[in-house]
């Protein structure tokens, strides 16, 4: 088996259906594994009835993105593993082109494709710096290549490397796990690659449609600070904490003033939730 495609679904029935249909149209030899994180919208039944070729793994509870991927990773047989979000539609040759790229670039351990909005415009899918890296004390100097990470909506990685590093870090429940995975693969001496020919449409936020903007902001902030603590030295953490704490205080003041004049929009509430959490998490700059 050359390719294993892993999808983690959570209450994304229609999106998952469209994603699986696009994989079926793509053709080629591959196995598809869907890990359902205890959806209540009928997703597992839909997959069993309409996509019998799919290996369906049903979790009894929501394990989060990284841990659910690891469950499927243990069963995957492919030389390459493609991590694919359920709110994506792959173009017909995306998987073939992704595999061809990896075959011709043995120095690359993980790579991402070109991610498109539904209207065909391009999403930002490559990052050359990690969160907080501008405050780093040389932590990234030994990492291979020049791409920091690619968007987790569509990633292809070598199975042998994933096995060596034991897949995703399960401390990341949702968000940040793609950045962490790319960092750890670079630590193994491999580069992160980009495959512009492998195109995927991405709707975005499918599994978080029931979450409020403040709730999503909190999840993203928690993941960001977990990344800081895992990869940066204490002196770097202190710099980040001091800067973030000063910024949060100032932004809360300006947000309070703007709310008096403009009211509290969902975007306003999202920012307030984030900066309040930042103040809570940076109480002790010695951490």
C-alpha atoms as a PDB file:
ATOM      1  CA  UNK A   1       0.000   0.000   0.000  1.00  0.00           C
ATOM      2  CA  UNK A   2       1.500   3.296  -1.108  1.00  0.00           C
ATOM      3  CA  UNK A   3      -0.866   5.799   0.544  1.00  0.00           C
ATOM      4  CA  UNK A   4      -3.052   5.915   3.649  1.00  0.00           C
ATOM      5  CA  UNK A   5      -5.459   8.850   3.914  1.00  0.00           C
ATOM      6  CA  UNK A   6      -6.581   9.698   7.452  1.00  0.00           C
ATOM      7  CA  UNK A   7      -9.573  11.915   8.179  1.00  0.00           C
ATOM      8  CA  UNK A   8     -10.818  12.881  11.641  1.00  0.00           C
ATOM      9  CA  UNK A   9     -14.503  13.798  11.654  1.00  0.00           C
ATOM     10  CA  UNK A  10     -16.663  15.404  14.303  1.00  0.00           C
ATOM     11  CA  UNK A  11     -20.235  16.368  13.387  1.00  0.00           C
ATOM     12  CA  UNK A  12     -19.303  17.237   9.809  1.00  0.00           C
ATOM     13  CA  UNK A  13     -21.612  14.851   7.944  1.00  0.00           C
ATOM     14  CA  UNK A  14     -22.144  16.800   4.721  1.00  0.00           C
ATOM     15  CA  UNK A  15     -18.562  18.033   4.564  1.00  0.00           C
ATOM     16  CA  UNK A  16     -17.169  14.560   5.219  1.00  0.00           C
ATOM     17  CA  UNK A  17     -19.462  13.165   2.535  1.00  0.00           C
ATOM     18  CA  UNK A  18     -18.146  15.645  -0.047  1.00  0.00           C
ATOM     19  CA  UNK A  19     -14.561  14.960   1.004  1.00  0.00           C
ATOM     20  CA  UNK A  20     -14.923  11.190   0.646  1.00  0.00           C
ATOM     21  CA  UNK A  21     -16.649  11.594  -2.709  1.00  0.00           C
ATOM     22  CA  UNK A  22     -13.691  13.644  -3.970  1.00  0.00           C
ATOM     23  CA  UNK A  23     -11.280  10.946  -2.793  1.00  0.00           C
ATOM     24  CA  UNK A  24     -13.307   8.319  -4.633  1.00  0.00           C
ATOM     25  CA  UNK A  25     -13.161  10.381  -7.816  1.00  0.00           C
ATOM     26  CA  UNK A  26      -9.427  10.843  -7.408  1.00  0.00           C
ATOM     27  CA  UNK A  27      -8.890   7.135  -7.995  1.00  0.00           C
ATOM     28  CA  UNK A  28      -5.562   5.423  -7.469  1.00  0.00           C
ATOM     29  CA  UNK A  29      -4.560   2.777  -4.939  1.00  0.00           C
ATOM     30  CA  UNK A  30      -5.051   4.051  -1.424  1.00  0.00           C
ATOM     31  CA  UNK A  31      -6.694   3.162   1.818  1.00  0.00           C
ATOM     32  CA  UNK A  32      -8.956   5.667   3.555  1.00  0.00           C
ATOM     33  CA  UNK A  33      -9.365   5.684   7.309  1.00  0.00           C
ATOM     34  CA  UNK A  34     -11.958   7.887   8.997  1.00  0.00           C
ATOM     35  CA  UNK A  35     -11.818   8.339  12.747  1.00  0.00           C
ATOM     36  CA  UNK A  36     -15.134   9.641  14.042  1.00  0.00           C
ATOM     37  CA  UNK A  37     -14.880  11.491  17.355  1.00  0.00           C
ATOM     38  CA  UNK A  38     -18.319  10.493  18.691  1.00  0.00           C
ATOM     39  CA  UNK A  39     -20.370  12.522  16.213  1.00  0.00           C
ATOM     40  CA  UNK A  40     -24.093  12.865  16.901  1.00  0.00           C
ATOM     41  CA  UNK A  41     -25.135  13.900  13.382  1.00  0.00           C
ATOM     42  CA  UNK A  42     -25.239  10.447  11.789  1.00  0.00           C
ATOM     43  CA  UNK A  43     -21.786  10.636  10.215  1.00  0.00           C
ATOM     44  CA  UNK A  44     -20.780   7.019  11.007  1.00  0.00           C
ATOM     45  CA  UNK A  45     -23.953   5.573   9.463  1.00  0.00           C
ATOM     46  CA  UNK A  46     -23.530   7.711   6.359  1.00  0.00           C
ATOM     47  CA  UNK A  47     -19.965   6.461   5.924  1.00  0.00           C
ATOM     48  CA  UNK A  48     -20.949   2.813   6.418  1.00  0.00           C
ATOM     49  CA  UNK A  49     -23.858   3.077   3.980  1.00  0.00           C
ATOM     50  CA  UNK A  50     -22.327   5.220   1.230  1.00  0.00           C
ATOM     51  CA  UNK A  51     -18.571   4.558   1.484  1.00  0.00           C
ATOM     52  CA  UNK A  52     -18.135   0.873   2.381  1.00  0.00           C
ATOM     53  CA  UNK A  53     -14.522   0.963   1.159  1.00  0.00           C
ATOM     54  CA  UNK A  54     -13.605   3.286   4.042  1.00  0.00           C
ATOM     55  CA  UNK A  55     -12.067   1.902   7.225  1.00  0.00           C
ATOM     56  CA  UNK A  56     -14.263   3.506   9.892  1.00  0.00           C
ATOM     57  CA  UNK A  57     -13.037   3.858  13.464  1.00  0.00           C
ATOM     58  CA  UNK A  58     -15.697   5.044  15.909  1.00  0.00           C
ATOM     59  CA  UNK A  59     -14.490   6.611  19.144  1.00  0.00           C
ATOM     60  CA  UNK A  60     -16.764   6.595  22.175  1.00  0.00           C
ATOM     61  CA  UNK A  61     -15.802  10.185  22.970  1.00  0.00           C
ATOM     62  CA  UNK A  62     -14.097  13.153  21.325  1.00  0.00           C
ATOM     63  CA  UNK A  63     -10.392  12.390  21.613  1.00  0.00           C
ATOM     64  CA  UNK A  64      -9.251  15.561  19.893  1.00  0.00           C
ATOM     65  CA  UNK A  65      -7.481  15.901  16.573  1.00  0.00           C
ATOM     66  CA  UNK A  66      -3.988  14.611  17.326  1.00  0.00           C
ATOM     67  CA  UNK A  67      -4.985  11.615  19.422  1.00  0.00           C
ATOM     68  CA  UNK A  68      -7.667  10.550  16.921  1.00  0.00           C
ATOM     69  CA  UNK A  69      -5.124  10.707  14.097  1.00  0.00           C
ATOM     70  CA  UNK A  70      -2.773   8.535  16.124  1.00  0.00           C
ATOM     71  CA  UNK A  71      -5.493   5.895  16.512  1.00  0.00           C
ATOM     72  CA  UNK A  72      -5.729   5.596  12.719  1.00  0.00           C
ATOM     73  CA  UNK A  73      -1.963   5.933  12.277  1.00  0.00           C
ATOM     74  CA  UNK A  74      -1.473   2.718  14.242  1.00  0.00           C
ATOM     75  CA  UNK A  75      -3.593   0.888  11.654  1.00  0.00           C
ATOM     76  CA  UNK A  76      -2.345   2.654   8.520  1.00  0.00           C
ATOM     77  CA  UNK A  77      -0.424   0.467   6.057  1.00  0.00           C
ATOM     78  CA  UNK A  78       0.762   3.092   3.588  1.00  0.00           C
ATOM     79  CA  UNK A  79       4.327   4.132   2.933  1.00  0.00           C
ATOM     80  CA  UNK A  80       2.972   7.680   2.978  1.00  0.00           C
ATOM     81  CA  UNK A  81       0.239   9.078   5.196  1.00  0.00           C
ATOM     82  CA  UNK A  82      -1.993  11.954   4.133  1.00  0.00           C
ATOM     83  CA  UNK A  83      -3.731  13.843   6.935  1.00  0.00           C
ATOM     84  CA  UNK A  84      -6.851  15.410   5.464  1.00  0.00           C
ATOM     85  CA  UNK A  85      -9.473  17.598   7.127  1.00  0.00           C
ATOM     86  CA  UNK A  86     -13.106  16.572   6.548  1.00  0.00           C
ATOM     87  CA  UNK A  87     -13.967  20.076   5.292  1.00  0.00           C
ATOM     88  CA  UNK A  88     -11.789  19.648   2.192  1.00  0.00           C
ATOM     89  CA  UNK A  89     -12.298  18.521  -1.379  1.00  0.00           C
ATOM     90  CA  UNK A  90      -9.215  17.193  -3.151  1.00  0.00           C
ATOM     91  CA  UNK A  91      -8.624  17.835  -6.830  1.00  0.00           C
ATOM     92  CA  UNK A  92      -8.417  14.700  -8.949  1.00  0.00           C
ATOM     93  CA  UNK A  93      -4.610  14.494  -9.151  1.00  0.00           C
ATOM     94  CA  UNK A  94      -3.711  15.978  -5.766  1.00  0.00           C
ATOM     95  CA  UNK A  95      -2.783  12.705  -4.084  1.00  0.00           C
ATOM     96  CA  UNK A  96      -0.818  11.398  -7.063  1.00  0.00           C
ATOM     97  CA  UNK A  97       1.127  14.653  -7.318  1.00  0.00           C
ATOM     98  CA  UNK A  98       1.802  14.698  -3.578  1.00  0.00           C
ATOM     99  CA  UNK A  99       3.250  11.182  -3.673  1.00  0.00           C
ATOM    100  CA  UNK A 100       5.340  11.980  -6.761  1.00  0.00           C
ATOM    101  CA  UNK A 101       6.800  14.998  -4.972  1.00  0.00           C
ATOM    102  CA  UNK A 102       7.760  12.920  -1.923  1.00  0.00           C
ATOM    103  CA  UNK A 103       9.311  10.244  -4.154  1.00  0.00           C
ATOM    104  CA  UNK A 104      11.539  12.863  -5.787  1.00  0.00           C
ATOM    105  CA  UNK A 105      12.449  14.707  -2.572  1.00  0.00           C
ATOM    106  CA  UNK A 106      13.847  12.235  -0.025  1.00  0.00           C
ATOM    107  CA  UNK A 107      15.065  15.149   2.087  1.00  0.00           C
ATOM    108  CA  UNK A 108      11.439  16.121   2.825  1.00  0.00           C
ATOM    109  CA  UNK A 109       9.718  14.383   5.724  1.00  0.00           C
ATOM    110  CA  UNK A 110       6.378  16.164   5.576  1.00  0.00           C
ATOM    111  CA  UNK A 111       4.796  18.481   3.016  1.00  0.00           C
ATOM    112  CA  UNK A 112       1.618  20.407   2.377  1.00  0.00           C
ATOM    113  CA  UNK A 113      -0.323  21.164  -0.764  1.00  0.00           C
ATOM    114  CA  UNK A 114      -1.811  24.364  -2.129  1.00  0.00           C
ATOM    115  CA  UNK A 115      -4.925  25.128  -0.083  1.00  0.00           C
ATOM    116  CA  UNK A 116      -7.716  26.970  -1.872  1.00  0.00           C
ATOM    117  CA  UNK A 117     -10.843  28.754  -0.681  1.00  0.00           C
ATOM    118  CA  UNK A 118     -14.125  27.533  -2.181  1.00  0.00           C
ATOM    119  CA  UNK A 119     -13.972  30.432  -4.678  1.00  0.00           C
ATOM    120  CA  UNK A 120     -10.540  29.306  -5.888  1.00  0.00           C
ATOM    121  CA  UNK A 121      -8.495  31.991  -4.144  1.00  0.00           C
ATOM    122  CA  UNK A 122      -5.447  30.789  -2.248  1.00  0.00           C
ATOM    123  CA  UNK A 123      -5.366  30.360   1.519  1.00  0.00           C
ATOM    124  CA  UNK A 124      -2.222  31.024   3.510  1.00  0.00           C
ATOM    125  CA  UNK A 125      -0.910  27.511   3.984  1.00  0.00           C
ATOM    126  CA  UNK A 126       2.851  27.925   4.595  1.00  0.00           C
ATOM    127  CA  UNK A 127       4.617  29.519   7.519  1.00  0.00           C
ATOM    128  CA  UNK A 128       8.312  30.323   7.646  1.00  0.00           C
ATOM    129  CA  UNK A 129       8.269  31.161  11.356  1.00  0.00           C
ATOM    130  CA  UNK A 130       6.760  29.510  14.412  1.00  0.00           C
ATOM    131  CA  UNK A 131       4.570  31.312  16.946  1.00  0.00           C
ATOM    132  CA  UNK A 132       6.788  33.409  19.189  1.00  0.00           C
ATOM    133  CA  UNK A 133       9.917  32.647  17.147  1.00  0.00           C
ATOM    134  CA  UNK A 134      10.955  36.313  16.988  1.00  0.00           C
ATOM    135  CA  UNK A 135      11.681  36.059  20.737  1.00  0.00           C
ATOM    136  CA  UNK A 136      13.603  32.792  20.387  1.00  0.00           C
ATOM    137  CA  UNK A 137      17.072  32.257  21.815  1.00  0.00           C
ATOM    138  CA  UNK A 138      18.393  30.130  18.966  1.00  0.00           C
ATOM    139  CA  UNK A 139      16.005  27.221  19.481  1.00  0.00           C
ATOM    140  CA  UNK A 140      15.281  26.906  15.748  1.00  0.00           C
ATOM    141  CA  UNK A 141      18.858  27.121  14.450  1.00  0.00           C
ATOM    142  CA  UNK A 142      19.355  23.368  14.182  1.00  0.00           C
ATOM    143  CA  UNK A 143      16.096  22.635  12.394  1.00  0.00           C
ATOM    144  CA  UNK A 144      16.321  21.430   8.786  1.00  0.00           C
ATOM    145  CA  UNK A 145      15.048  23.449   5.838  1.00  0.00           C
ATOM    146  CA  UNK A 146      13.516  26.907   5.727  1.00  0.00           C
ATOM    147  CA  UNK A 147       9.753  26.192   5.932  1.00  0.00           C
ATOM    148  CA  UNK A 148       8.532  26.105   9.521  1.00  0.00           C
ATOM    149  CA  UNK A 149       5.212  24.368   8.963  1.00  0.00           C
ATOM    150  CA  UNK A 150       2.330  23.756   6.574  1.00  0.00           C
ATOM    151  CA  UNK A 151      -1.398  23.901   7.206  1.00  0.00           C
ATOM    152  CA  UNK A 152      -2.775  20.694   8.693  1.00  0.00           C
ATOM    153  CA  UNK A 153      -5.795  20.616   6.359  1.00  0.00           C
ATOM    154  CA  UNK A 154      -3.704  18.589   3.875  1.00  0.00           C
ATOM    155  CA  UNK A 155      -0.327  17.126   4.783  1.00  0.00           C
ATOM    156  CA  UNK A 156       1.606  14.149   3.473  1.00  0.00           C
ATOM    157  CA  UNK A 157       4.306  12.533   5.597  1.00  0.00           C
ATOM    158  CA  UNK A 158       6.521   9.469   5.534  1.00  0.00           C
ATOM    159  CA  UNK A 159       5.036   6.735   7.703  1.00  0.00           C
ATOM    160  CA  UNK A 160       8.412   5.560   8.978  1.00  0.00           C
ATOM    161  CA  UNK A 161       9.156   9.016  10.408  1.00  0.00           C
ATOM    162  CA  UNK A 162       5.723   9.302  11.992  1.00  0.00           C
ATOM    163  CA  UNK A 163       6.269   5.928  13.647  1.00  0.00           C
ATOM    164  CA  UNK A 164       9.681   7.005  14.927  1.00  0.00           C
ATOM    165  CA  UNK A 165       8.332  10.167  16.597  1.00  0.00           C
ATOM    166  CA  UNK A 166       5.089   8.435  17.672  1.00  0.00           C
ATOM    167  CA  UNK A 167       2.783  10.619  15.619  1.00  0.00           C
ATOM    168  CA  UNK A 168       1.080  13.699  16.968  1.00  0.00           C
ATOM    169  CA  UNK A 169       1.672  15.027  20.471  1.00  0.00           C
ATOM    170  CA  UNK A 170      -1.643  14.234  22.150  1.00  0.00           C
ATOM    171  CA  UNK A 171      -1.265  17.120  24.600  1.00  0.00           C
ATOM    172  CA  UNK A 172      -2.522  19.287  21.727  1.00  0.00           C
ATOM    173  CA  UNK A 173      -6.285  18.658  21.702  1.00  0.00           C
ATOM    174  CA  UNK A 174      -7.089  20.945  18.788  1.00  0.00           C
ATOM    175  CA  UNK A 175      -4.910  23.564  17.050  1.00  0.00           C
ATOM    176  CA  UNK A 176      -1.112  23.772  17.140  1.00  0.00           C
ATOM    177  CA  UNK A 177      -0.524  20.080  16.515  1.00  0.00           C
ATOM    178  CA  UNK A 178       0.495  20.633  12.883  1.00  0.00           C
ATOM    179  CA  UNK A 179       3.142  23.188  13.898  1.00  0.00           C
ATOM    180  CA  UNK A 180       4.443  20.854  16.591  1.00  0.00           C
ATOM    181  CA  UNK A 181       4.554  17.876  14.226  1.00  0.00           C
ATOM    182  CA  UNK A 182       6.517  19.825  11.606  1.00  0.00           C
ATOM    183  CA  UNK A 183       8.979  21.018  14.273  1.00  0.00           C
ATOM    184  CA  UNK A 184       9.623  17.458  15.485  1.00  0.00           C
ATOM    185  CA  UNK A 185      10.082  16.107  11.966  1.00  0.00           C
ATOM    186  CA  UNK A 186      12.619  18.851  11.272  1.00  0.00           C
ATOM    187  CA  UNK A 187      14.418  17.828  14.470  1.00  0.00           C
ATOM    188  CA  UNK A 188      14.896  14.403  12.851  1.00  0.00           C
ATOM    189  CA  UNK A 189      16.862  16.030  10.026  1.00  0.00           C
ATOM    190  CA  UNK A 190      14.075  16.252   7.453  1.00  0.00           C
ATOM    191  CA  UNK A 191      12.698  19.336   5.752  1.00  0.00           C
ATOM    192  CA  UNK A 192       9.129  20.574   5.425  1.00  0.00           C
ATOM    193  CA  UNK A 193       8.053  20.826   1.793  1.00  0.00           C
ATOM    194  CA  UNK A 194       5.391  22.559  -0.273  1.00  0.00           C
ATOM    195  CA  UNK A 195       3.615  20.992  -3.265  1.00  0.00           C
ATOM    196  CA  UNK A 196       1.866  23.719  -5.282  1.00  0.00           C
ATOM    197  CA  UNK A 197       0.634  21.190  -7.854  1.00  0.00           C
ATOM    198  CA  UNK A 198      -1.377  19.285  -5.213  1.00  0.00           C
ATOM    199  CA  UNK A 199      -4.475  21.455  -4.785  1.00  0.00           C
ATOM    200  CA  UNK A 200      -7.200  21.056  -2.188  1.00  0.00           C
ATOM    201  CA  UNK A 201     -10.286  23.155  -1.514  1.00  0.00           C
ATOM    202  CA  UNK A 202     -10.766  23.969   2.169  1.00  0.00           C
ATOM    203  CA  UNK A 203     -13.923  25.329   3.741  1.00  0.00           C
ATOM    204  CA  UNK A 204     -12.391  25.793   7.209  1.00  0.00           C
ATOM    205  CA  UNK A 205     -13.810  25.501  10.710  1.00  0.00           C
ATOM    206  CA  UNK A 206     -16.173  22.641   9.925  1.00  0.00           C
ATOM    207  CA  UNK A 207     -15.780  20.778  13.210  1.00  0.00           C
ATOM    208  CA  UNK A 208     -15.931  24.049  15.161  1.00  0.00           C
ATOM    209  CA  UNK A 209     -19.201  25.299  13.680  1.00  0.00           C
ATOM    210  CA  UNK A 210     -20.993  24.784  16.999  1.00  0.00           C
ATOM    211  CA  UNK A 211     -18.328  26.676  18.992  1.00  0.00           C
ATOM    212  CA  UNK A 212     -18.565  30.400  19.629  1.00  0.00           C
ATOM    213  CA  UNK A 213     -15.800  32.714  18.493  1.00  0.00           C
ATOM    214  CA  UNK A 214     -14.615  33.291  22.094  1.00  0.00           C
ATOM    215  CA  UNK A 215     -14.456  29.520  22.637  1.00  0.00           C
ATOM    216  CA  UNK A 216     -12.364  29.036  19.505  1.00  0.00           C
ATOM    217  CA  UNK A 217     -10.076  31.915  20.542  1.00  0.00           C
ATOM    218  CA  UNK A 218      -9.487  30.267  23.920  1.00  0.00           C
ATOM    219  CA  UNK A 219      -8.638  26.898  22.318  1.00  0.00           C
ATOM    220  CA  UNK A 220      -6.167  28.513  19.924  1.00  0.00           C
ATOM    221  CA  UNK A 221      -4.505  30.489  22.721  1.00  0.00           C
ATOM    222  CA  UNK A 222      -4.120  27.411  24.928  1.00  0.00           C
ATOM    223  CA  UNK A 223      -2.486  25.547  22.032  1.00  0.00           C
ATOM    224  CA  UNK A 224      -0.165  28.468  21.332  1.00  0.00           C
ATOM    225  CA  UNK A 225       1.091  28.613  24.909  1.00  0.00           C
ATOM    226  CA  UNK A 226       1.513  24.844  25.011  1.00  0.00           C
ATOM    227  CA  UNK A 227       3.753  25.194  21.964  1.00  0.00           C
ATOM    228  CA  UNK A 228       5.791  27.926  23.695  1.00  0.00           C
ATOM    229  CA  UNK A 229       6.333  25.839  26.828  1.00  0.00           C
ATOM    230  CA  UNK A 230       7.269  22.726  24.894  1.00  0.00           C
ATOM    231  CA  UNK A 231       9.810  24.207  22.477  1.00  0.00           C
ATOM    232  CA  UNK A 232      11.284  27.370  23.993  1.00  0.00           C
ATOM    233  CA  UNK A 233      13.826  27.951  26.729  1.00  0.00           C
ATOM    234  CA  UNK A 234      12.894  29.661  30.007  1.00  0.00           C
ATOM    235  CA  UNK A 235      14.506  32.955  28.959  1.00  0.00           C
ATOM    236  CA  UNK A 236      12.506  32.917  25.725  1.00  0.00           C
ATOM    237  CA  UNK A 237       9.323  32.188  27.646  1.00  0.00           C
ATOM    238  CA  UNK A 238       9.972  35.155  29.926  1.00  0.00           C
ATOM    239  CA  UNK A 239      10.372  37.465  26.936  1.00  0.00           C
ATOM    240  CA  UNK A 240       7.187  36.158  25.358  1.00  0.00           C
ATOM    241  CA  UNK A 241       5.222  36.401  28.614  1.00  0.00           C
ATOM    242  CA  UNK A 242       6.317  39.957  29.335  1.00  0.00           C
ATOM    243  CA  UNK A 243       5.482  41.110  25.816  1.00  0.00           C
ATOM    244  CA  UNK A 244       2.157  39.280  25.689  1.00  0.00           C
ATOM    245  CA  UNK A 245       1.108  40.489  29.131  1.00  0.00           C
ATOM    246  CA  UNK A 246       1.823  44.139  28.255  1.00  0.00           C
ATOM    247  CA  UNK A 247      -0.024  43.767  24.955  1.00  0.00           C
ATOM    248  CA  UNK A 248      -3.028  42.083  26.593  1.00  0.00           C
ATOM    249  CA  UNK A 249      -3.417  44.832  29.197  1.00  0.00           C
ATOM    250  CA  UNK A 250      -3.285  47.548  26.561  1.00  0.00           C
ATOM    251  CA  UNK A 251      -5.679  45.777  24.214  1.00  0.00           C
ATOM    252  CA  UNK A 252      -8.231  45.164  26.964  1.00  0.00           C
ATOM    253  CA  UNK A 253      -8.231  48.880  27.724  1.00  0.00           C
ATOM    254  CA  UNK A 254      -8.766  49.817  24.072  1.00  0.00           C
ATOM    255  CA  UNK A 255     -11.403  47.110  23.629  1.00  0.00           C
ATOM    256  CA  UNK A 256     -13.270  48.421  26.655  1.00  0.00           C
ATOM    257  CA  UNK A 257     -13.304  51.913  25.181  1.00  0.00           C
ATOM    258  CA  UNK A 258     -14.414  50.688  21.757  1.00  0.00           C
ATOM    259  CA  UNK A 259     -17.249  48.677  23.309  1.00  0.00           C
ATOM    260  CA  UNK A 260     -18.674  51.874  24.827  1.00  0.00           C
ATOM    261  CA  UNK A 261     -18.888  53.410  21.379  1.00  0.00           C
ATOM    262  CA  UNK A 262     -19.536  50.443  19.097  1.00  0.00           C
ATOM    263  CA  UNK A 263     -20.973  47.708  21.297  1.00  0.00           C
ATOM    264  CA  UNK A 264     -19.760  44.150  21.805  1.00  0.00           C
ATOM    265  CA  UNK A 265     -19.632  42.301  18.494  1.00  0.00           C
ATOM    266  CA  UNK A 266     -18.671  38.591  18.259  1.00  0.00           C
ATOM    267  CA  UNK A 267     -15.240  39.704  17.048  1.00  0.00           C
ATOM    268  CA  UNK A 268     -14.917  41.994  20.090  1.00  0.00           C
ATOM    269  CA  UNK A 269     -15.875  39.159  22.451  1.00  0.00           C
ATOM    270  CA  UNK A 270     -13.366  36.863  20.770  1.00  0.00           C
ATOM    271  CA  UNK A 271     -10.529  39.326  21.393  1.00  0.00           C
ATOM    272  CA  UNK A 272     -11.557  39.972  24.991  1.00  0.00           C
ATOM    273  CA  UNK A 273     -11.627  36.220  25.710  1.00  0.00           C
ATOM    274  CA  UNK A 274      -8.165  35.786  24.228  1.00  0.00           C
ATOM    275  CA  UNK A 275      -6.516  38.659  26.099  1.00  0.00           C
ATOM    276  CA  UNK A 276      -8.090  37.740  29.426  1.00  0.00           C
ATOM    277  CA  UNK A 277      -6.725  34.228  29.028  1.00  0.00           C
ATOM    278  CA  UNK A 278      -3.295  35.617  28.127  1.00  0.00           C
ATOM    279  CA  UNK A 279      -3.241  37.618  31.371  1.00  0.00           C
ATOM    280  CA  UNK A 280      -4.171  34.503  33.318  1.00  0.00           C
ATOM    281  CA  UNK A 281      -1.510  32.364  31.647  1.00  0.00           C
ATOM    282  CA  UNK A 282       1.313  34.908  32.012  1.00  0.00           C
ATOM    283  CA  UNK A 283       0.922  35.607  35.715  1.00  0.00           C
ATOM    284  CA  UNK A 284       4.228  33.955  36.463  1.00  0.00           C
ATOM    285  CA  UNK A 285       6.887  34.973  33.897  1.00  0.00           C
ATOM    286  CA  UNK A 286       9.337  32.513  35.516  1.00  0.00           C
ATOM    287  CA  UNK A 287       7.400  29.478  34.197  1.00  0.00           C
END
